[in-house]
């Protein structure tokens, strides 16, 4: 999925979330990919609670990420969040070319979308032959309000970057999933996989089957709530609470008093999200859960969710089979690997342009 395309050799991605800016540069090599540059810059705490993030503040954080990473690339791939898009599967004649599909959607998209086409950017992806009629193809229509896209493009522009591709987060997650080394009983395409991205304020769900995204969803629950509770319980500043959450050093009662109850709440949220999927797909069972996002680095969170849901659960590491440039701190990269899942998928998307 893309609204802007331009061919590139190396690929730079910028993942803009409510809590941080993540920059990742990948280079394609003969046997795969090399991680060339990486940087994670936290956004000010108040940005996580604002309804509309300041474009200037985001641009400043991107500038810091560029400087810290040392990247020289000026073209970047970004994404819009799942919560800002509208998607619809439409069946159209299989005889149509891509240009004809686009013309058809321009004429008929208003009946599928909640806003006027003048206020939206849209794109489509041909999913394959319709299961019930071989003369039709299923076409995924995805749209987002122009302001959601334009604000992010403006932030990159203010930081000195040009936007080459605007993707949608679940589809970038699908790209990153292809890099994971997970022990499957069958092939990836025959498994129903849930990617649960545990962010600062949002936990997102992407369900994959047969190489396609078949379900997406999100809940207003994330690791900021854990940080807030640490801050409140131990009377720390937000910054110190966030640091202690990552590096440790909290009192001995931390696990029992704060961490374990939070993890149980998170497991319940994941269970609720999966129940929403199951209710709309009653004949499809889930084979595996992949945890990504900053919350996936929590101690034993994979075991907590696996035990609660009785579903095999793994922590995402999209870099497991990549080589690393001498610029890269491997300990930092592997520690942050789950949180860089989206950035990795976006960087891969850049190679498709």
C-alpha atoms as a PDB file:
ATOM      1  CA  UNK A   1       0.000   0.000   0.000  1.00  0.00           C
ATOM      2  CA  UNK A   2       1.431   3.406  -0.839  1.00  0.00           C
ATOM      3  CA  UNK A   3       0.400   6.910  -1.732  1.00  0.00           C
ATOM      4  CA  UNK A   4       3.848   8.043  -2.872  1.00  0.00           C
ATOM      5  CA  UNK A   5       6.469   5.945  -4.644  1.00  0.00           C
ATOM      6  CA  UNK A   6      10.061   6.371  -5.760  1.00  0.00           C
ATOM      7  CA  UNK A   7      12.711   3.727  -6.394  1.00  0.00           C
ATOM      8  CA  UNK A   8      15.500   3.575  -3.809  1.00  0.00           C
ATOM      9  CA  UNK A   9      18.598   1.455  -3.190  1.00  0.00           C
ATOM     10  CA  UNK A  10      19.068   1.825   0.566  1.00  0.00           C
ATOM     11  CA  UNK A  11      15.903   2.356   2.572  1.00  0.00           C
ATOM     12  CA  UNK A  12      15.178   4.719   5.453  1.00  0.00           C
ATOM     13  CA  UNK A  13      12.078   4.459   7.619  1.00  0.00           C
ATOM     14  CA  UNK A  14      10.627   6.781  10.235  1.00  0.00           C
ATOM     15  CA  UNK A  15       8.156   5.291  12.715  1.00  0.00           C
ATOM     16  CA  UNK A  16       6.178   8.074  14.419  1.00  0.00           C
ATOM     17  CA  UNK A  17       4.383   6.936  17.571  1.00  0.00           C
ATOM     18  CA  UNK A  18       2.855   8.757  20.527  1.00  0.00           C
ATOM     19  CA  UNK A  19       5.991   8.303  22.634  1.00  0.00           C
ATOM     20  CA  UNK A  20       8.973   8.227  20.282  1.00  0.00           C
ATOM     21  CA  UNK A  21      10.517   8.568  16.862  1.00  0.00           C
ATOM     22  CA  UNK A  22      12.249   5.461  15.545  1.00  0.00           C
ATOM     23  CA  UNK A  23      14.655   5.759  12.618  1.00  0.00           C
ATOM     24  CA  UNK A  24      16.013   2.729  10.777  1.00  0.00           C
ATOM     25  CA  UNK A  25      18.227   2.473   7.710  1.00  0.00           C
ATOM     26  CA  UNK A  26      18.601  -0.876   5.955  1.00  0.00           C
ATOM     27  CA  UNK A  27      20.816  -1.780   3.019  1.00  0.00           C
ATOM     28  CA  UNK A  28      20.092  -4.706   0.714  1.00  0.00           C
ATOM     29  CA  UNK A  29      23.070  -7.066   0.408  1.00  0.00           C
ATOM     30  CA  UNK A  30      23.592 -10.284  -1.546  1.00  0.00           C
ATOM     31  CA  UNK A  31      22.298 -12.569   1.194  1.00  0.00           C
ATOM     32  CA  UNK A  32      19.656 -10.343   2.770  1.00  0.00           C
ATOM     33  CA  UNK A  33      19.854  -7.016   4.584  1.00  0.00           C
ATOM     34  CA  UNK A  34      22.282  -5.060   6.718  1.00  0.00           C
ATOM     35  CA  UNK A  35      21.269  -2.725   9.534  1.00  0.00           C
ATOM     36  CA  UNK A  36      23.153   0.459   8.717  1.00  0.00           C
ATOM     37  CA  UNK A  37      21.745   3.105  11.088  1.00  0.00           C
ATOM     38  CA  UNK A  38      19.270   3.189  13.939  1.00  0.00           C
ATOM     39  CA  UNK A  39      18.037   5.735  16.466  1.00  0.00           C
ATOM     40  CA  UNK A  40      15.185   6.019  18.951  1.00  0.00           C
ATOM     41  CA  UNK A  41      14.294   9.480  20.259  1.00  0.00           C
ATOM     42  CA  UNK A  42      11.688   9.904  22.992  1.00  0.00           C
ATOM     43  CA  UNK A  43       9.030  12.547  22.559  1.00  0.00           C
ATOM     44  CA  UNK A  44       8.242  14.837  25.503  1.00  0.00           C
ATOM     45  CA  UNK A  45       5.896  13.201  27.989  1.00  0.00           C
ATOM     46  CA  UNK A  46       3.014  15.576  27.370  1.00  0.00           C
ATOM     47  CA  UNK A  47       2.877  14.561  23.717  1.00  0.00           C
ATOM     48  CA  UNK A  48       1.591  11.148  24.772  1.00  0.00           C
ATOM     49  CA  UNK A  49      -1.587  12.688  26.158  1.00  0.00           C
ATOM     50  CA  UNK A  50      -2.238  15.392  23.586  1.00  0.00           C
ATOM     51  CA  UNK A  51      -4.968  14.700  21.052  1.00  0.00           C
ATOM     52  CA  UNK A  52      -2.913  16.334  18.333  1.00  0.00           C
ATOM     53  CA  UNK A  53       0.861  16.125  18.398  1.00  0.00           C
ATOM     54  CA  UNK A  54       2.785  19.226  17.364  1.00  0.00           C
ATOM     55  CA  UNK A  55       4.253  18.766  13.904  1.00  0.00           C
ATOM     56  CA  UNK A  56       7.200  20.980  14.872  1.00  0.00           C
ATOM     57  CA  UNK A  57       8.005  18.864  17.936  1.00  0.00           C
ATOM     58  CA  UNK A  58       7.890  15.695  15.855  1.00  0.00           C
ATOM     59  CA  UNK A  59      10.167  17.313  13.273  1.00  0.00           C
ATOM     60  CA  UNK A  60      12.635  18.284  16.013  1.00  0.00           C
ATOM     61  CA  UNK A  61      12.725  14.686  17.251  1.00  0.00           C
ATOM     62  CA  UNK A  62      13.302  13.416  13.702  1.00  0.00           C
ATOM     63  CA  UNK A  63      16.200  15.858  13.338  1.00  0.00           C
ATOM     64  CA  UNK A  64      17.721  14.466  16.545  1.00  0.00           C
ATOM     65  CA  UNK A  65      17.313  10.920  15.240  1.00  0.00           C
ATOM     66  CA  UNK A  66      18.998  11.848  11.963  1.00  0.00           C
ATOM     67  CA  UNK A  67      21.907  13.449  13.790  1.00  0.00           C
ATOM     68  CA  UNK A  68      22.292  10.629  16.313  1.00  0.00           C
ATOM     69  CA  UNK A  69      22.146   7.896  13.676  1.00  0.00           C
ATOM     70  CA  UNK A  70      24.396   9.634  11.175  1.00  0.00           C
ATOM     71  CA  UNK A  71      22.230   8.673   8.203  1.00  0.00           C
ATOM     72  CA  UNK A  72      22.788  10.618   4.997  1.00  0.00           C
ATOM     73  CA  UNK A  73      19.616   9.426   3.266  1.00  0.00           C
ATOM     74  CA  UNK A  74      17.030  12.071   2.430  1.00  0.00           C
ATOM     75  CA  UNK A  75      14.141   9.874   1.272  1.00  0.00           C
ATOM     76  CA  UNK A  76      12.039   8.081   3.893  1.00  0.00           C
ATOM     77  CA  UNK A  77       9.112   5.704   4.296  1.00  0.00           C
ATOM     78  CA  UNK A  78       6.416   6.387   6.904  1.00  0.00           C
ATOM     79  CA  UNK A  79       3.055   4.932   7.891  1.00  0.00           C
ATOM     80  CA  UNK A  80      -0.292   6.051   9.201  1.00  0.00           C
ATOM     81  CA  UNK A  81      -1.786   4.299  12.210  1.00  0.00           C
ATOM     82  CA  UNK A  82      -4.413   1.581  11.920  1.00  0.00           C
ATOM     83  CA  UNK A  83      -6.807   3.745  13.938  1.00  0.00           C
ATOM     84  CA  UNK A  84      -6.740   6.473  11.263  1.00  0.00           C
ATOM     85  CA  UNK A  85      -7.650   4.308   8.275  1.00  0.00           C
ATOM     86  CA  UNK A  86     -10.797   2.873   6.778  1.00  0.00           C
ATOM     87  CA  UNK A  87     -10.534  -0.378   4.840  1.00  0.00           C
ATOM     88  CA  UNK A  88     -12.971  -2.426   2.816  1.00  0.00           C
ATOM     89  CA  UNK A  89     -12.765  -5.582   0.688  1.00  0.00           C
ATOM     90  CA  UNK A  90     -14.518  -5.046  -2.647  1.00  0.00           C
ATOM     91  CA  UNK A  91     -15.131  -7.656  -5.347  1.00  0.00           C
ATOM     92  CA  UNK A  92     -14.506  -6.487  -8.910  1.00  0.00           C
ATOM     93  CA  UNK A  93     -14.277  -8.231 -12.310  1.00  0.00           C
ATOM     94  CA  UNK A  94     -11.018 -10.175 -12.659  1.00  0.00           C
ATOM     95  CA  UNK A  95     -10.612  -8.848 -16.198  1.00  0.00           C
ATOM     96  CA  UNK A  96      -9.922  -5.288 -14.990  1.00  0.00           C
ATOM     97  CA  UNK A  97      -6.388  -3.902 -15.169  1.00  0.00           C
ATOM     98  CA  UNK A  98      -4.946  -1.940 -12.248  1.00  0.00           C
ATOM     99  CA  UNK A  99      -5.666   1.323 -14.075  1.00  0.00           C
ATOM    100  CA  UNK A 100      -9.260   0.253 -14.649  1.00  0.00           C
ATOM    101  CA  UNK A 101      -9.625  -0.761 -10.989  1.00  0.00           C
ATOM    102  CA  UNK A 102      -8.380   2.675  -9.961  1.00  0.00           C
ATOM    103  CA  UNK A 103     -10.872   4.368 -12.295  1.00  0.00           C
ATOM    104  CA  UNK A 104     -13.685   2.204 -10.921  1.00  0.00           C
ATOM    105  CA  UNK A 105     -12.761   3.050  -7.327  1.00  0.00           C
ATOM    106  CA  UNK A 106     -12.589   6.771  -8.068  1.00  0.00           C
ATOM    107  CA  UNK A 107     -16.157   6.590  -9.358  1.00  0.00           C
ATOM    108  CA  UNK A 108     -17.562   4.337  -6.628  1.00  0.00           C
ATOM    109  CA  UNK A 109     -15.361   4.805  -3.529  1.00  0.00           C
ATOM    110  CA  UNK A 110     -17.791   7.245  -1.897  1.00  0.00           C
ATOM    111  CA  UNK A 111     -20.268   4.421  -1.282  1.00  0.00           C
ATOM    112  CA  UNK A 112     -17.664   2.463   0.707  1.00  0.00           C
ATOM    113  CA  UNK A 113     -15.983   5.287   2.626  1.00  0.00           C
ATOM    114  CA  UNK A 114     -17.291   7.531   5.443  1.00  0.00           C
ATOM    115  CA  UNK A 115     -15.902  10.758   3.968  1.00  0.00           C
ATOM    116  CA  UNK A 116     -15.839  12.461   0.611  1.00  0.00           C
ATOM    117  CA  UNK A 117     -13.059  11.261  -1.669  1.00  0.00           C
ATOM    118  CA  UNK A 118     -11.902  14.881  -1.886  1.00  0.00           C
ATOM    119  CA  UNK A 119     -10.893  14.670   1.794  1.00  0.00           C
ATOM    120  CA  UNK A 120      -9.095  11.324   1.509  1.00  0.00           C
ATOM    121  CA  UNK A 121      -6.038   9.626   0.148  1.00  0.00           C
ATOM    122  CA  UNK A 122      -6.810   6.088  -0.941  1.00  0.00           C
ATOM    123  CA  UNK A 123      -4.971   3.118  -2.358  1.00  0.00           C
ATOM    124  CA  UNK A 124      -5.851  -0.456  -3.207  1.00  0.00           C
ATOM    125  CA  UNK A 125      -4.283  -3.888  -3.314  1.00  0.00           C
ATOM    126  CA  UNK A 126      -5.544  -6.876  -5.303  1.00  0.00           C
ATOM    127  CA  UNK A 127      -5.793  -9.712  -2.779  1.00  0.00           C
ATOM    128  CA  UNK A 128      -6.538 -12.544  -5.222  1.00  0.00           C
ATOM    129  CA  UNK A 129      -9.372 -14.471  -6.826  1.00  0.00           C
ATOM    130  CA  UNK A 130     -12.666 -14.378  -4.956  1.00  0.00           C
ATOM    131  CA  UNK A 131     -13.271 -17.716  -3.197  1.00  0.00           C
ATOM    132  CA  UNK A 132     -16.884 -17.917  -4.368  1.00  0.00           C
ATOM    133  CA  UNK A 133     -16.577 -16.601  -7.933  1.00  0.00           C
ATOM    134  CA  UNK A 134     -13.475 -17.083 -10.084  1.00  0.00           C
ATOM    135  CA  UNK A 135     -14.571 -14.255 -12.379  1.00  0.00           C
ATOM    136  CA  UNK A 136     -14.063 -11.765  -9.537  1.00  0.00           C
ATOM    137  CA  UNK A 137     -11.032 -10.569  -7.596  1.00  0.00           C
ATOM    138  CA  UNK A 138     -11.044  -9.273  -4.039  1.00  0.00           C
ATOM    139  CA  UNK A 139      -9.621  -5.762  -3.855  1.00  0.00           C
ATOM    140  CA  UNK A 140      -8.600  -4.188  -0.557  1.00  0.00           C
ATOM    141  CA  UNK A 141      -9.490  -0.486  -0.499  1.00  0.00           C
ATOM    142  CA  UNK A 142      -7.664   1.549   2.152  1.00  0.00           C
ATOM    143  CA  UNK A 143      -8.227   5.254   2.808  1.00  0.00           C
ATOM    144  CA  UNK A 144      -7.150   7.858   5.336  1.00  0.00           C
ATOM    145  CA  UNK A 145      -8.090  11.487   5.782  1.00  0.00           C
ATOM    146  CA  UNK A 146      -5.592  13.746   4.038  1.00  0.00           C
ATOM    147  CA  UNK A 147      -4.735  15.561   7.261  1.00  0.00           C
ATOM    148  CA  UNK A 148      -3.455  12.293   8.811  1.00  0.00           C
ATOM    149  CA  UNK A 149      -1.049  11.827   5.932  1.00  0.00           C
ATOM    150  CA  UNK A 150      -0.147  15.456   5.275  1.00  0.00           C
ATOM    151  CA  UNK A 151       0.789  16.177   8.911  1.00  0.00           C
ATOM    152  CA  UNK A 152       3.382  13.406   8.881  1.00  0.00           C
ATOM    153  CA  UNK A 153       4.753  14.400   5.499  1.00  0.00           C
ATOM    154  CA  UNK A 154       5.100  17.970   6.770  1.00  0.00           C
ATOM    155  CA  UNK A 155       7.010  16.789   9.855  1.00  0.00           C
ATOM    156  CA  UNK A 156       9.481  14.920   7.659  1.00  0.00           C
ATOM    157  CA  UNK A 157       9.813  17.920   5.367  1.00  0.00           C
ATOM    158  CA  UNK A 158      10.607  20.210   8.307  1.00  0.00           C
ATOM    159  CA  UNK A 159      13.285  17.708   9.323  1.00  0.00           C
ATOM    160  CA  UNK A 160      14.830  17.801   5.850  1.00  0.00           C
ATOM    161  CA  UNK A 161      13.411  14.528   4.529  1.00  0.00           C
ATOM    162  CA  UNK A 162      11.262  13.714   1.513  1.00  0.00           C
ATOM    163  CA  UNK A 163       8.471  11.154   1.872  1.00  0.00           C
ATOM    164  CA  UNK A 164       8.644   8.427  -0.762  1.00  0.00           C
ATOM    165  CA  UNK A 165       6.037   6.001   0.549  1.00  0.00           C
ATOM    166  CA  UNK A 166       3.154   6.314   2.986  1.00  0.00           C
ATOM    167  CA  UNK A 167       2.190   2.834   4.143  1.00  0.00           C
ATOM    168  CA  UNK A 168      -0.378   1.595   6.633  1.00  0.00           C
ATOM    169  CA  UNK A 169       0.937   0.105   9.880  1.00  0.00           C
ATOM    170  CA  UNK A 170      -0.673  -3.380   9.687  1.00  0.00           C
ATOM    171  CA  UNK A 171       0.744  -3.934   6.200  1.00  0.00           C
ATOM    172  CA  UNK A 172       4.203  -2.831   7.288  1.00  0.00           C
ATOM    173  CA  UNK A 173       3.908  -5.349  10.132  1.00  0.00           C
ATOM    174  CA  UNK A 174       3.139  -8.014   7.544  1.00  0.00           C
ATOM    175  CA  UNK A 175       6.366  -7.147   5.711  1.00  0.00           C
ATOM    176  CA  UNK A 176       8.419  -7.384   8.905  1.00  0.00           C
ATOM    177  CA  UNK A 177       6.819 -10.718   9.798  1.00  0.00           C
ATOM    178  CA  UNK A 178       8.494 -12.288   6.764  1.00  0.00           C
ATOM    179  CA  UNK A 179      11.870 -11.822   8.500  1.00  0.00           C
ATOM    180  CA  UNK A 180      11.058 -13.649  11.713  1.00  0.00           C
ATOM    181  CA  UNK A 181      12.588 -17.030  12.530  1.00  0.00           C
ATOM    182  CA  UNK A 182       9.702 -18.784  14.258  1.00  0.00           C
ATOM    183  CA  UNK A 183       9.299 -22.588  14.621  1.00  0.00           C
ATOM    184  CA  UNK A 184       6.106 -23.323  12.697  1.00  0.00           C
ATOM    185  CA  UNK A 185       4.380 -26.673  12.382  1.00  0.00           C
ATOM    186  CA  UNK A 186       3.413 -25.791   8.815  1.00  0.00           C
ATOM    187  CA  UNK A 187       4.297 -23.013   6.416  1.00  0.00           C
ATOM    188  CA  UNK A 188       3.799 -19.393   7.424  1.00  0.00           C
ATOM    189  CA  UNK A 189       1.016 -19.028   4.880  1.00  0.00           C
ATOM    190  CA  UNK A 190      -1.046 -21.880   6.359  1.00  0.00           C
ATOM    191  CA  UNK A 191      -0.896 -20.447   9.871  1.00  0.00           C
ATOM    192  CA  UNK A 192      -3.192 -17.846  11.388  1.00  0.00           C
ATOM    193  CA  UNK A 193      -0.859 -15.429  13.154  1.00  0.00           C
ATOM    194  CA  UNK A 194      -1.681 -12.561  15.518  1.00  0.00           C
ATOM    195  CA  UNK A 195       0.879  -9.768  15.736  1.00  0.00           C
ATOM    196  CA  UNK A 196       0.199  -7.880  18.966  1.00  0.00           C
ATOM    197  CA  UNK A 197       2.057  -4.569  19.035  1.00  0.00           C
ATOM    198  CA  UNK A 198       2.224  -3.227  22.591  1.00  0.00           C
ATOM    199  CA  UNK A 199       2.914   0.484  22.311  1.00  0.00           C
ATOM    200  CA  UNK A 200       2.983   3.329  24.782  1.00  0.00           C
ATOM    201  CA  UNK A 201      -0.713   4.202  24.652  1.00  0.00           C
ATOM    202  CA  UNK A 202      -2.140   1.825  22.025  1.00  0.00           C
ATOM    203  CA  UNK A 203      -2.024  -1.958  21.683  1.00  0.00           C
ATOM    204  CA  UNK A 204      -2.635  -2.941  18.066  1.00  0.00           C
ATOM    205  CA  UNK A 205      -3.663  -6.288  16.608  1.00  0.00           C
ATOM    206  CA  UNK A 206      -2.862  -7.523  13.101  1.00  0.00           C
ATOM    207  CA  UNK A 207      -4.066 -10.991  12.033  1.00  0.00           C
ATOM    208  CA  UNK A 208      -2.321 -12.671   9.095  1.00  0.00           C
ATOM    209  CA  UNK A 209      -3.399 -15.668   7.026  1.00  0.00           C
ATOM    210  CA  UNK A 210      -2.268 -16.902   3.624  1.00  0.00           C
ATOM    211  CA  UNK A 211       0.058 -13.931   3.247  1.00  0.00           C
ATOM    212  CA  UNK A 212      -2.726 -11.391   3.765  1.00  0.00           C
ATOM    213  CA  UNK A 213      -3.910  -9.113   6.542  1.00  0.00           C
ATOM    214  CA  UNK A 214      -7.363 -10.444   7.408  1.00  0.00           C
ATOM    215  CA  UNK A 215      -8.141  -8.435  10.550  1.00  0.00           C
ATOM    216  CA  UNK A 216      -6.910  -5.339  12.370  1.00  0.00           C
ATOM    217  CA  UNK A 217      -7.875  -3.674  15.612  1.00  0.00           C
ATOM    218  CA  UNK A 218      -6.537  -1.545  18.443  1.00  0.00           C
ATOM    219  CA  UNK A 219      -7.195  -0.781  22.100  1.00  0.00           C
ATOM    220  CA  UNK A 220      -6.367   2.252  24.217  1.00  0.00           C
ATOM    221  CA  UNK A 221      -4.032   0.405  26.548  1.00  0.00           C
ATOM    222  CA  UNK A 222      -0.246   0.442  26.622  1.00  0.00           C
ATOM    223  CA  UNK A 223       2.970   0.652  28.580  1.00  0.00           C
ATOM    224  CA  UNK A 224       2.489   4.286  29.538  1.00  0.00           C
ATOM    225  CA  UNK A 225      -0.015   3.036  32.098  1.00  0.00           C
ATOM    226  CA  UNK A 226       2.722   0.909  33.648  1.00  0.00           C
ATOM    227  CA  UNK A 227       5.072   3.898  33.704  1.00  0.00           C
ATOM    228  CA  UNK A 228       2.353   6.065  35.257  1.00  0.00           C
ATOM    229  CA  UNK A 229       1.797   3.495  38.000  1.00  0.00           C
ATOM    230  CA  UNK A 230       5.548   3.267  38.729  1.00  0.00           C
ATOM    231  CA  UNK A 231       5.702   7.064  38.865  1.00  0.00           C
ATOM    232  CA  UNK A 232       2.744   7.269  41.240  1.00  0.00           C
ATOM    233  CA  UNK A 233       3.654   4.355  43.492  1.00  0.00           C
ATOM    234  CA  UNK A 234       7.321   5.276  43.987  1.00  0.00           C
ATOM    235  CA  UNK A 235       6.952   9.055  43.712  1.00  0.00           C
ATOM    236  CA  UNK A 236       9.326   9.348  40.736  1.00  0.00           C
ATOM    237  CA  UNK A 237       9.439  11.759  37.830  1.00  0.00           C
ATOM    238  CA  UNK A 238       8.018  10.363  34.600  1.00  0.00           C
ATOM    239  CA  UNK A 239      11.499  10.222  33.065  1.00  0.00           C
ATOM    240  CA  UNK A 240      12.964   8.336  36.040  1.00  0.00           C
ATOM    241  CA  UNK A 241      10.001   5.974  36.155  1.00  0.00           C
ATOM    242  CA  UNK A 242      10.432   5.215  32.462  1.00  0.00           C
ATOM    243  CA  UNK A 243      14.156   4.626  32.941  1.00  0.00           C
ATOM    244  CA  UNK A 244      13.609   2.370  35.954  1.00  0.00           C
ATOM    245  CA  UNK A 245      11.041   0.359  34.024  1.00  0.00           C
ATOM    246  CA  UNK A 246      13.681  -0.431  31.385  1.00  0.00           C
ATOM    247  CA  UNK A 247      16.852  -0.697  33.456  1.00  0.00           C
ATOM    248  CA  UNK A 248      15.566  -2.053  36.767  1.00  0.00           C
ATOM    249  CA  UNK A 249      16.575  -0.930  40.241  1.00  0.00           C
ATOM    250  CA  UNK A 250      13.037  -0.698  41.599  1.00  0.00           C
ATOM    251  CA  UNK A 251      12.179  -2.050  45.092  1.00  0.00           C
ATOM    252  CA  UNK A 252      11.764  -5.786  45.635  1.00  0.00           C
ATOM    253  CA  UNK A 253       7.977  -5.509  45.743  1.00  0.00           C
ATOM    254  CA  UNK A 254       7.799  -4.091  42.191  1.00  0.00           C
ATOM    255  CA  UNK A 255       7.012  -7.375  40.445  1.00  0.00           C
ATOM    256  CA  UNK A 256       4.226  -8.477  42.777  1.00  0.00           C
ATOM    257  CA  UNK A 257       2.757  -5.026  43.370  1.00  0.00           C
ATOM    258  CA  UNK A 258       2.902  -3.428  39.923  1.00  0.00           C
ATOM    259  CA  UNK A 259       4.401  -5.498  37.085  1.00  0.00           C
ATOM    260  CA  UNK A 260       2.420  -8.732  37.438  1.00  0.00           C
ATOM    261  CA  UNK A 261      -0.984  -7.014  37.835  1.00  0.00           C
ATOM    262  CA  UNK A 262      -0.230  -4.889  34.766  1.00  0.00           C
ATOM    263  CA  UNK A 263       0.782  -7.941  32.740  1.00  0.00           C
ATOM    264  CA  UNK A 264      -2.427  -9.725  33.752  1.00  0.00           C
ATOM    265  CA  UNK A 265      -4.443  -6.683  32.651  1.00  0.00           C
ATOM    266  CA  UNK A 266      -2.564  -6.652  29.355  1.00  0.00           C
ATOM    267  CA  UNK A 267      -3.230 -10.359  28.822  1.00  0.00           C
ATOM    268  CA  UNK A 268      -6.943  -9.710  29.391  1.00  0.00           C
ATOM    269  CA  UNK A 269      -6.873  -6.864  26.849  1.00  0.00           C
ATOM    270  CA  UNK A 270      -5.195  -9.135  24.296  1.00  0.00           C
ATOM    271  CA  UNK A 271      -7.759 -11.844  25.028  1.00  0.00           C
ATOM    272  CA  UNK A 272     -10.595  -9.360  24.482  1.00  0.00           C
ATOM    273  CA  UNK A 273      -9.089  -8.213  21.171  1.00  0.00           C
ATOM    274  CA  UNK A 274      -8.735 -11.801  19.991  1.00  0.00           C
ATOM    275  CA  UNK A 275     -12.323 -12.547  21.016  1.00  0.00           C
ATOM    276  CA  UNK A 276     -13.451  -9.703  18.755  1.00  0.00           C
ATOM    277  CA  UNK A 277     -11.557 -11.371  15.909  1.00  0.00           C
ATOM    278  CA  UNK A 278     -12.986 -14.804  16.723  1.00  0.00           C
ATOM    279  CA  UNK A 279     -16.553 -13.507  16.805  1.00  0.00           C
ATOM    280  CA  UNK A 280     -16.207 -12.326  13.196  1.00  0.00           C
ATOM    281  CA  UNK A 281     -14.194 -15.417  12.163  1.00  0.00           C
ATOM    282  CA  UNK A 282     -15.836 -18.255  14.130  1.00  0.00           C
ATOM    283  CA  UNK A 283     -14.304 -21.061  12.053  1.00  0.00           C
ATOM    284  CA  UNK A 284     -10.710 -19.822  12.199  1.00  0.00           C
ATOM    285  CA  UNK A 285      -8.452 -20.721  15.124  1.00  0.00           C
ATOM    286  CA  UNK A 286      -5.309 -18.827  16.047  1.00  0.00           C
ATOM    287  CA  UNK A 287      -2.008 -20.707  15.753  1.00  0.00           C
ATOM    288  CA  UNK A 288       0.495 -18.273  17.218  1.00  0.00           C
ATOM    289  CA  UNK A 289       0.949 -14.826  18.755  1.00  0.00           C
ATOM    290  CA  UNK A 290       3.908 -12.581  17.945  1.00  0.00           C
ATOM    291  CA  UNK A 291       4.586  -9.755  20.412  1.00  0.00           C
ATOM    292  CA  UNK A 292       6.130  -6.525  19.169  1.00  0.00           C
ATOM    293  CA  UNK A 293       6.379  -2.936  20.370  1.00  0.00           C
ATOM    294  CA  UNK A 294       8.128  -1.612  23.447  1.00  0.00           C
ATOM    295  CA  UNK A 295       5.903  -3.656  25.746  1.00  0.00           C
ATOM    296  CA  UNK A 296       7.202  -6.901  24.258  1.00  0.00           C
ATOM    297  CA  UNK A 297      10.465  -6.318  26.141  1.00  0.00           C
ATOM    298  CA  UNK A 298       8.742  -6.700  29.506  1.00  0.00           C
ATOM    299  CA  UNK A 299      10.067  -9.528  31.648  1.00  0.00           C
ATOM    300  CA  UNK A 300       8.323 -12.838  30.779  1.00  0.00           C
ATOM    301  CA  UNK A 301       5.426 -11.153  28.984  1.00  0.00           C
ATOM    302  CA  UNK A 302       5.452 -13.890  26.328  1.00  0.00           C
ATOM    303  CA  UNK A 303       5.042 -16.550  29.026  1.00  0.00           C
ATOM    304  CA  UNK A 304       2.254 -14.600  30.737  1.00  0.00           C
ATOM    305  CA  UNK A 305       0.239 -14.271  27.527  1.00  0.00           C
ATOM    306  CA  UNK A 306       0.971 -17.838  26.377  1.00  0.00           C
ATOM    307  CA  UNK A 307      -0.190 -19.247  29.711  1.00  0.00           C
ATOM    308  CA  UNK A 308      -3.263 -17.022  29.896  1.00  0.00           C
ATOM    309  CA  UNK A 309      -4.445 -17.739  26.345  1.00  0.00           C
ATOM    310  CA  UNK A 310      -2.944 -21.197  25.844  1.00  0.00           C
ATOM    311  CA  UNK A 311      -1.489 -20.072  22.510  1.00  0.00           C
ATOM    312  CA  UNK A 312       2.183 -20.319  21.491  1.00  0.00           C
ATOM    313  CA  UNK A 313       3.698 -16.848  21.871  1.00  0.00           C
ATOM    314  CA  UNK A 314       7.006 -15.423  20.630  1.00  0.00           C
ATOM    315  CA  UNK A 315       8.847 -12.109  20.935  1.00  0.00           C
ATOM    316  CA  UNK A 316       9.567 -10.440  17.582  1.00  0.00           C
ATOM    317  CA  UNK A 317      13.162  -9.950  16.451  1.00  0.00           C
ATOM    318  CA  UNK A 318      13.175  -8.938  12.779  1.00  0.00           C
ATOM    319  CA  UNK A 319      16.963  -8.531  12.821  1.00  0.00           C
ATOM    320  CA  UNK A 320      17.819 -12.111  13.758  1.00  0.00           C
ATOM    321  CA  UNK A 321      19.157 -12.968  10.279  1.00  0.00           C
ATOM    322  CA  UNK A 322      20.562  -9.536   9.363  1.00  0.00           C
ATOM    323  CA  UNK A 323      24.166  -8.435   9.434  1.00  0.00           C
ATOM    324  CA  UNK A 324      25.058  -5.280  11.345  1.00  0.00           C
ATOM    325  CA  UNK A 325      27.144  -2.293  10.300  1.00  0.00           C
ATOM    326  CA  UNK A 326      30.039  -1.315  12.552  1.00  0.00           C
ATOM    327  CA  UNK A 327      27.944   1.766  13.460  1.00  0.00           C
ATOM    328  CA  UNK A 328      25.417  -0.424  15.284  1.00  0.00           C
ATOM    329  CA  UNK A 329      25.432  -1.246  18.986  1.00  0.00           C
ATOM    330  CA  UNK A 330      24.225  -4.842  18.779  1.00  0.00           C
ATOM    331  CA  UNK A 331      23.148  -5.000  22.421  1.00  0.00           C
ATOM    332  CA  UNK A 332      20.958  -1.908  21.956  1.00  0.00           C
ATOM    333  CA  UNK A 333      19.517  -3.211  18.680  1.00  0.00           C
ATOM    334  CA  UNK A 334      18.504  -6.612  20.017  1.00  0.00           C
ATOM    335  CA  UNK A 335      17.114  -5.092  23.210  1.00  0.00           C
ATOM    336  CA  UNK A 336      14.951  -2.738  21.153  1.00  0.00           C
ATOM    337  CA  UNK A 337      14.201  -5.224  18.350  1.00  0.00           C
ATOM    338  CA  UNK A 338      10.513  -5.753  19.246  1.00  0.00           C
ATOM    339  CA  UNK A 339       9.905  -1.987  19.299  1.00  0.00           C
ATOM    340  CA  UNK A 340      11.578  -1.653  15.871  1.00  0.00           C
ATOM    341  CA  UNK A 341       9.299  -4.183  14.178  1.00  0.00           C
ATOM    342  CA  UNK A 342       7.209  -1.509  12.451  1.00  0.00           C
ATOM    343  CA  UNK A 343      10.252   0.535  11.430  1.00  0.00           C
ATOM    344  CA  UNK A 344      11.744  -2.624   9.951  1.00  0.00           C
ATOM    345  CA  UNK A 345       8.617  -3.369   7.944  1.00  0.00           C
ATOM    346  CA  UNK A 346       8.574   0.185   6.623  1.00  0.00           C
ATOM    347  CA  UNK A 347      12.234  -0.025   5.608  1.00  0.00           C
ATOM    348  CA  UNK A 348      11.510  -3.264   3.751  1.00  0.00           C
ATOM    349  CA  UNK A 349       8.592  -1.554   2.044  1.00  0.00           C
ATOM    350  CA  UNK A 350      11.050   0.968   0.661  1.00  0.00           C
ATOM    351  CA  UNK A 351      12.762  -1.745  -1.367  1.00  0.00           C
ATOM    352  CA  UNK A 352       9.492  -2.512  -3.181  1.00  0.00           C
ATOM    353  CA  UNK A 353       9.170   0.978  -4.635  1.00  0.00           C
END
